[in-house]
PDB file of all heavy atoms in Angstrom:
ATOM      1  N   SER A   1     -33.926 125.420-192.982  1.00  0.00           N
ATOM      2  CA  SER A   1     -34.552 125.757-194.268  1.00  0.00           C
ATOM      3  C   SER A   1     -35.835 126.629-194.069  1.00  0.00           C
ATOM      4  O   SER A   1     -36.595 126.386-193.142  1.00  0.00           O
ATOM      5  CB  SER A   1     -34.888 124.428-194.980  1.00  0.00           C
ATOM      6  OG  SER A   1     -35.520 124.749-196.176  1.00  0.00           O
ATOM      7  N   PRO A   2     -36.005 127.607-195.031  1.00  0.00           N
ATOM      8  CA  PRO A   2     -37.315 128.430-195.033  1.00  0.00           C
ATOM      9  C   PRO A   2     -38.531 127.396-195.235  1.00  0.00           C
ATOM     10  O   PRO A   2     -38.330 126.341-195.946  1.00  0.00           O
ATOM     11  CB  PRO A   2     -37.124 129.373-196.061  1.00  0.00           C
ATOM     12  CG  PRO A   2     -36.108 128.820-196.923  1.00  0.00           C
ATOM     13  CD  PRO A   2     -35.163 127.917-196.127  1.00  0.00           C
ATOM     14  N   VAL A   3     -39.655 127.756-194.694  1.00  0.00           N
ATOM     15  CA  VAL A   3     -40.921 126.977-194.998  1.00  0.00           C
ATOM     16  C   VAL A   3     -41.723 127.829-195.856  1.00  0.00           C
ATOM     17  O   VAL A   3     -41.988 128.847-195.574  1.00  0.00           O
ATOM     18  CB  VAL A   3     -41.591 126.736-193.610  1.00  0.00           C
ATOM     19  CG1 VAL A   3     -42.976 126.008-193.829  1.00  0.00           C
ATOM     20  CG2 VAL A   3     -40.675 125.886-192.749  1.00  0.00           C
ATOM     21  N   THR A   4     -42.045 127.125-196.906  1.00  0.00           N
ATOM     22  CA  THR A   4     -43.068 127.817-197.861  1.00  0.00           C
ATOM     23  C   THR A   4     -44.430 127.354-197.520  1.00  0.00           C
ATOM     24  O   THR A   4     -44.866 126.325-197.647  1.00  0.00           O
ATOM     25  CB  THR A   4     -42.689 127.414-199.305  1.00  0.00           C
ATOM     26  OG1 THR A   4     -41.419 127.803-199.718  1.00  0.00           O
ATOM     27  CG2 THR A   4     -43.640 128.203-200.342  1.00  0.00           C
ATOM     28  N   GLU A   5     -45.200 128.421-197.058  1.00  0.00           N
ATOM     29  CA  GLU A   5     -46.584 128.179-196.739  1.00  0.00           C
ATOM     30  C   GLU A   5     -47.414 129.091-197.468  1.00  0.00           C
ATOM     31  O   GLU A   5     -47.418 130.472-197.279  1.00  0.00           O
ATOM     32  CB  GLU A   5     -46.763 128.310-195.168  1.00  0.00           C
ATOM     33  CG  GLU A   5     -46.053 127.262-194.467  1.00  0.00           C
ATOM     34  CD  GLU A   5     -46.364 127.592-192.905  1.00  0.00           C
ATOM     35  OE1 GLU A   5     -46.134 128.831-192.546  1.00  0.00           O
ATOM     36  OE2 GLU A   5     -46.418 126.610-192.248  1.00  0.00           O
ATOM     37  N   TRP A   6     -48.405 128.561-198.286  1.00  0.00           N
ATOM     38  CA  TRP A   6     -49.316 129.343-198.944  1.00  0.00           C
ATOM     39  C   TRP A   6     -50.511 129.877-198.081  1.00  0.00           C
ATOM     40  O   TRP A   6     -51.188 130.763-198.371  1.00  0.00           O
ATOM     41  CB  TRP A   6     -49.937 128.821-200.210  1.00  0.00           C
ATOM     42  CG  TRP A   6     -48.735 128.405-201.153  1.00  0.00           C
ATOM     43  CD1 TRP A   6     -48.185 127.122-201.379  1.00  0.00           C
ATOM     44  CD2 TRP A   6     -47.881 129.262-201.919  1.00  0.00           C
ATOM     45  NE1 TRP A   6     -47.130 127.255-202.389  1.00  0.00           N
ATOM     46  CE2 TRP A   6     -46.919 128.437-202.472  1.00  0.00           C
ATOM     47  CE3 TRP A   6     -47.830 130.691-202.013  1.00  0.00           C
ATOM     48  CZ2 TRP A   6     -45.954 128.904-203.406  1.00  0.00           C
ATOM     49  CZ3 TRP A   6     -46.713 131.166-202.798  1.00  0.00           C
ATOM     50  CH2 TRP A   6     -45.951 130.379-203.500  1.00  0.00           C
ATOM     51  N   ALA A   7     -50.696 129.111-196.995  1.00  0.00           N
ATOM     52  CA  ALA A   7     -51.641 129.603-195.918  1.00  0.00           C
ATOM     53  C   ALA A   7     -51.028 130.689-195.048  1.00  0.00           C
ATOM     54  O   ALA A   7     -49.914 130.634-194.833  1.00  0.00           O
ATOM     55  CB  ALA A   7     -52.175 128.384-195.217  1.00  0.00           C
ATOM     56  N   SER A   8     -51.865 131.594-194.636  1.00  0.00           N
ATOM     57  CA  SER A   8     -51.359 132.773-194.001  1.00  0.00           C
ATOM     58  C   SER A   8     -50.933 132.406-192.518  1.00  0.00           C
ATOM     59  O   SER A   8     -51.530 131.595-191.883  1.00  0.00           O
ATOM     60  CB  SER A   8     -52.440 133.998-193.917  1.00  0.00           C
ATOM     61  OG  SER A   8     -53.609 133.356-193.183  1.00  0.00           O
ATOM     62  N   ARG A   9     -49.773 133.029-192.163  1.00  0.00           N
ATOM     63  CA  ARG A   9     -49.309 132.767-190.652  1.00  0.00           C
ATOM     64  C   ARG A   9     -49.356 134.375-190.054  1.00  0.00           C
ATOM     65  O   ARG A   9     -48.757 135.202-190.641  1.00  0.00           O
ATOM     66  CB  ARG A   9     -47.927 132.236-190.796  1.00  0.00           C
ATOM     67  CG  ARG A   9     -47.453 131.951-189.213  1.00  0.00           C
ATOM     68  CD  ARG A   9     -46.136 131.131-189.430  1.00  0.00           C
ATOM     69  NE  ARG A   9     -46.350 129.841-189.677  1.00  0.00           N
ATOM     70  CZ  ARG A   9     -46.759 128.860-188.845  1.00  0.00           C
ATOM     71  NH1 ARG A   9     -46.712 129.133-187.557  1.00  0.00           N
ATOM     72  NH2 ARG A   9     -47.040 127.587-189.185  1.00  0.00           N
ATOM     73  N   GLY A  10     -50.020 134.365-188.991  1.00  0.00           N
ATOM     74  CA  GLY A  10     -50.156 135.731-188.469  1.00  0.00           C
ATOM     75  C   GLY A  10     -49.509 136.166-187.205  1.00  0.00           C
ATOM     76  O   GLY A  10     -49.487 137.390-186.833  1.00  0.00           O
ATOM     77  N   THR A  11     -48.871 135.175-186.516  1.00  0.00           N
ATOM     78  CA  THR A  11     -48.318 135.542-185.122  1.00  0.00           C
ATOM     79  C   THR A  11     -46.918 135.099-185.011  1.00  0.00           C
ATOM     80  O   THR A  11     -46.224 135.614-184.060  1.00  0.00           O
ATOM     81  CB  THR A  11     -49.190 135.015-183.971  1.00  0.00           C
ATOM     82  OG1 THR A  11     -49.124 133.571-183.973  1.00  0.00           O
ATOM     83  CG2 THR A  11     -50.616 135.421-184.103  1.00  0.00           C
ATOM     84  N   ASP A  12     -46.429 134.247-185.840  1.00  0.00           N
ATOM     85  CA  ASP A  12     -45.006 133.696-185.543  1.00  0.00           C
ATOM     86  C   ASP A  12     -44.533 133.357-186.971  1.00  0.00           C
ATOM     87  O   ASP A  12     -45.128 133.378-187.930  1.00  0.00           O
ATOM     88  CB  ASP A  12     -44.965 132.509-184.632  1.00  0.00           C
ATOM     89  CG  ASP A  12     -45.734 131.157-185.058  1.00  0.00           C
ATOM     90  OD1 ASP A  12     -46.217 131.291-186.281  1.00  0.00           O
ATOM     91  OD2 ASP A  12     -45.647 130.139-184.435  1.00  0.00           O
ATOM     92  N   VAL A  13     -43.104 133.004-186.895  1.00  0.00           N
ATOM     93  CA  VAL A  13     -42.493 132.618-188.122  1.00  0.00           C
ATOM     94  C   VAL A  13     -41.815 131.292-187.870  1.00  0.00           C
ATOM     95  O   VAL A  13     -41.304 131.103-186.718  1.00  0.00           O
ATOM     96  CB  VAL A  13     -41.297 133.644-188.469  1.00  0.00           C
ATOM     97  CG1 VAL A  13     -40.695 133.175-189.714  1.00  0.00           C
ATOM     98  CG2 VAL A  13     -42.022 135.006-188.751  1.00  0.00           C
ATOM     99  N   VAL A  14     -41.749 130.418-188.862  1.00  0.00           N
ATOM    100  CA  VAL A  14     -41.240 129.119-188.631  1.00  0.00           C
ATOM    101  C   VAL A  14     -40.099 128.864-189.693  1.00  0.00           C
ATOM    102  O   VAL A  14     -39.989 129.385-190.695  1.00  0.00           O
ATOM    103  CB  VAL A  14     -42.176 127.938-188.740  1.00  0.00           C
ATOM    104  CG1 VAL A  14     -43.164 128.163-187.689  1.00  0.00           C
ATOM    105  CG2 VAL A  14     -42.964 128.012-190.201  1.00  0.00           C
ATOM    106  N   VAL A  15     -39.116 127.948-189.211  1.00  0.00           N
ATOM    107  CA  VAL A  15     -38.046 127.405-190.136  1.00  0.00           C
ATOM    108  C   VAL A  15     -38.048 125.900-189.998  1.00  0.00           C
ATOM    109  O   VAL A  15     -38.554 125.349-188.978  1.00  0.00           O
ATOM    110  CB  VAL A  15     -36.709 127.937-189.757  1.00  0.00           C
ATOM    111  CG1 VAL A  15     -36.542 129.430-190.011  1.00  0.00           C
ATOM    112  CG2 VAL A  15     -36.379 127.535-188.288  1.00  0.00           C
ATOM    113  N   ASP A  16     -37.790 125.257-191.127  1.00  0.00           N
ATOM    114  CA  ASP A  16     -37.950 123.765-191.150  1.00  0.00           C
ATOM    115  C   ASP A  16     -36.710 123.256-190.442  1.00  0.00           C
ATOM    116  O   ASP A  16     -35.605 123.404-190.642  1.00  0.00           O
ATOM    117  CB  ASP A  16     -37.968 123.426-192.604  1.00  0.00           C
ATOM    118  CG  ASP A  16     -38.332 121.843-192.889  1.00  0.00           C
ATOM    119  OD1 ASP A  16     -38.352 121.214-191.914  1.00  0.00           O
ATOM    120  OD2 ASP A  16     -38.488 121.557-193.975  1.00  0.00           O
ATOM    121  N   ILE A  17     -37.143 122.189-189.440  1.00  0.00           N
ATOM    122  CA  ILE A  17     -36.023 121.445-188.817  1.00  0.00           C
ATOM    123  C   ILE A  17     -36.292 119.976-188.999  1.00  0.00           C
ATOM    124  O   ILE A  17     -35.340 119.170-188.640  1.00  0.00           O
ATOM    125  CB  ILE A  17     -36.015 121.798-187.353  1.00  0.00           C
ATOM    126  CG1 ILE A  17     -37.293 121.369-186.592  1.00  0.00           C
ATOM    127  CG2 ILE A  17     -35.567 123.155-187.159  1.00  0.00           C
ATOM    128  CD1 ILE A  17     -37.228 121.430-185.078  1.00  0.00           C
ATOM    129  N   GLY A  18     -37.531 119.502-189.489  1.00  0.00           N
ATOM    130  CA  GLY A  18     -37.728 118.099-189.603  1.00  0.00           C
ATOM    131  C   GLY A  18     -38.688 117.633-190.610  1.00  0.00           C
ATOM    132  O   GLY A  18     -38.981 116.468-190.670  1.00  0.00           O
ATOM    133  N   GLU A  19     -39.219 118.636-191.391  1.00  0.00           N
ATOM    134  CA  GLU A  19     -40.319 118.217-192.448  1.00  0.00           C
ATOM    135  C   GLU A  19     -39.606 117.883-193.713  1.00  0.00           C
ATOM    136  O   GLU A  19     -39.865 116.824-194.191  1.00  0.00           O
ATOM    137  CB  GLU A  19     -41.206 119.513-192.572  1.00  0.00           C
ATOM    138  CG  GLU A  19     -42.506 118.987-193.290  1.00  0.00           C
ATOM    139  CD  GLU A  19     -43.633 120.080-193.166  1.00  0.00           C
ATOM    140  OE1 GLU A  19     -43.297 121.307-193.059  1.00  0.00           O
ATOM    141  OE2 GLU A  19     -44.779 119.695-193.022  1.00  0.00           O
ATOM    142  N   ARG A  20     -38.761 118.719-194.195  1.00  0.00           N
ATOM    143  CA  ARG A  20     -38.055 118.392-195.462  1.00  0.00           C
ATOM    144  C   ARG A  20     -36.486 118.418-195.218  1.00  0.00           C
ATOM    145  O   ARG A  20     -35.799 117.958-196.151  1.00  0.00           O
ATOM    146  CB  ARG A  20     -38.387 119.553-196.543  1.00  0.00           C
ATOM    147  CG  ARG A  20     -39.708 119.332-197.061  1.00  0.00           C
ATOM    148  CD  ARG A  20     -39.976 120.398-198.182  1.00  0.00           C
ATOM    149  NE  ARG A  20     -41.313 120.261-198.656  1.00  0.00           N
ATOM    150  CZ  ARG A  20     -42.476 120.867-198.128  1.00  0.00           C
ATOM    151  NH1 ARG A  20     -42.399 121.411-197.162  1.00  0.00           N
ATOM    152  NH2 ARG A  20     -43.654 120.608-198.775  1.00  0.00           N
ATOM    153  N   VAL A  21     -36.016 118.795-194.083  1.00  0.00           N
ATOM    154  CA  VAL A  21     -34.663 118.707-193.758  1.00  0.00           C
ATOM    155  C   VAL A  21     -34.602 117.801-192.385  1.00  0.00           C
ATOM    156  O   VAL A  21     -35.702 117.603-191.859  1.00  0.00           O
ATOM    157  CB  VAL A  21     -34.023 120.031-193.465  1.00  0.00           C
ATOM    158  CG1 VAL A  21     -34.067 120.890-194.845  1.00  0.00           C
ATOM    159  CG2 VAL A  21     -34.624 120.811-192.432  1.00  0.00           C
ATOM    160  N   ALA A  22     -33.464 117.520-191.915  1.00  0.00           N
ATOM    161  CA  ALA A  22     -33.185 116.779-190.738  1.00  0.00           C
ATOM    162  C   ALA A  22     -32.079 117.542-189.919  1.00  0.00           C
ATOM    163  O   ALA A  22     -30.955 117.161-190.043  1.00  0.00           O
ATOM    164  CB  ALA A  22     -32.877 115.298-191.015  1.00  0.00           C
ATOM    165  N   ALA A  23     -32.379 118.529-189.257  1.00  0.00           N
ATOM    166  CA  ALA A  23     -31.626 119.357-188.424  1.00  0.00           C
ATOM    167  C   ALA A  23     -31.044 118.606-187.256  1.00  0.00           C
ATOM    168  O   ALA A  23     -31.954 117.988-186.484  1.00  0.00           O
ATOM    169  CB  ALA A  23     -32.217 120.700-188.063  1.00  0.00           C
ATOM    170  N   PRO A  24     -29.744 118.416-186.967  1.00  0.00           N
ATOM    171  CA  PRO A  24     -29.357 117.760-185.714  1.00  0.00           C
ATOM    172  C   PRO A  24     -29.772 118.453-184.477  1.00  0.00           C
ATOM    173  O   PRO A  24     -30.192 119.761-184.414  1.00  0.00           O
ATOM    174  CB  PRO A  24     -27.641 117.910-185.758  1.00  0.00           C
ATOM    175  CG  PRO A  24     -27.491 118.143-187.294  1.00  0.00           C
ATOM    176  CD  PRO A  24     -28.697 118.894-187.805  1.00  0.00           C
ATOM    177  N   ALA A  25     -30.022 117.748-183.473  1.00  0.00           N
ATOM    178  CA  ALA A  25     -30.678 118.258-182.119  1.00  0.00           C
ATOM    179  C   ALA A  25     -29.763 119.321-181.612  1.00  0.00           C
ATOM    180  O   ALA A  25     -30.328 120.313-181.036  1.00  0.00           O
ATOM    181  CB  ALA A  25     -30.717 116.997-181.190  1.00  0.00           C
ATOM    182  N   ALA A  26     -28.399 119.229-181.799  1.00  0.00           N
ATOM    183  CA  ALA A  26     -27.464 120.278-181.182  1.00  0.00           C
ATOM    184  C   ALA A  26     -27.841 121.664-181.925  1.00  0.00           C
ATOM    185  O   ALA A  26     -27.638 122.553-181.302  1.00  0.00           O
ATOM    186  CB  ALA A  26     -26.112 119.819-181.379  1.00  0.00           C
TER     187      ALA A  26
END
C-alpha cells in the first residue's frame, strides 16, 4: 500500500508492509 506522509521525504520512497496493512513475509 502507498504511504501518505505529509512530512517531506528526500532520499527514498516507502510502501506500507506493516503499518496499516499486513503483507506476508513471502
